[in-house]
Amino acid sequence: MTRQSDFEYVYEADRVGGVVFQIGARADPSTNNPESFAAILFFELADGSRIEVAKVDNAEHDEGEIHLDRFYRETGADIKDFQVPISNLWEAEDHLNEHARTYGQTYLKNHGKGLRDEG
């Protein structure tokens, strides 16, 4: 779950079945010169909590750095994809914008409007 203050900026990406999907971006030290970054596709629940649908970030992992967390996938599926053609924050945002409708529809189909079951 994320909060508005977690982002440098947030904007609407798409609407699916009455659900507003947004993209939020954060970068350190700044969006002008990001050393670390995350772009997140999410939607808000009525109580203000946010559900992450997909996230591209450059947090280090054993398998690599820049990757896509595919929270929209069915429970039990591998969510990390290290084979993404993304090299920076802006490409991450472009990717999420381009796929917002598909990722949003898939999340709603697999998990409804609640948190993804980690099962």
Foldseek 3Di string as FASTA:
>chain_A
DDAPVQAPDKDFQDDDPNWTKMKGKHAPPGLVDGPWIKIFIWTADPVGDIETQKMWIQPDDPVHGTWMQHQLDAAPDRRTDPPDPDDDDVSRVVVCSVCVVVSVVSSCVRPNNDYHDND
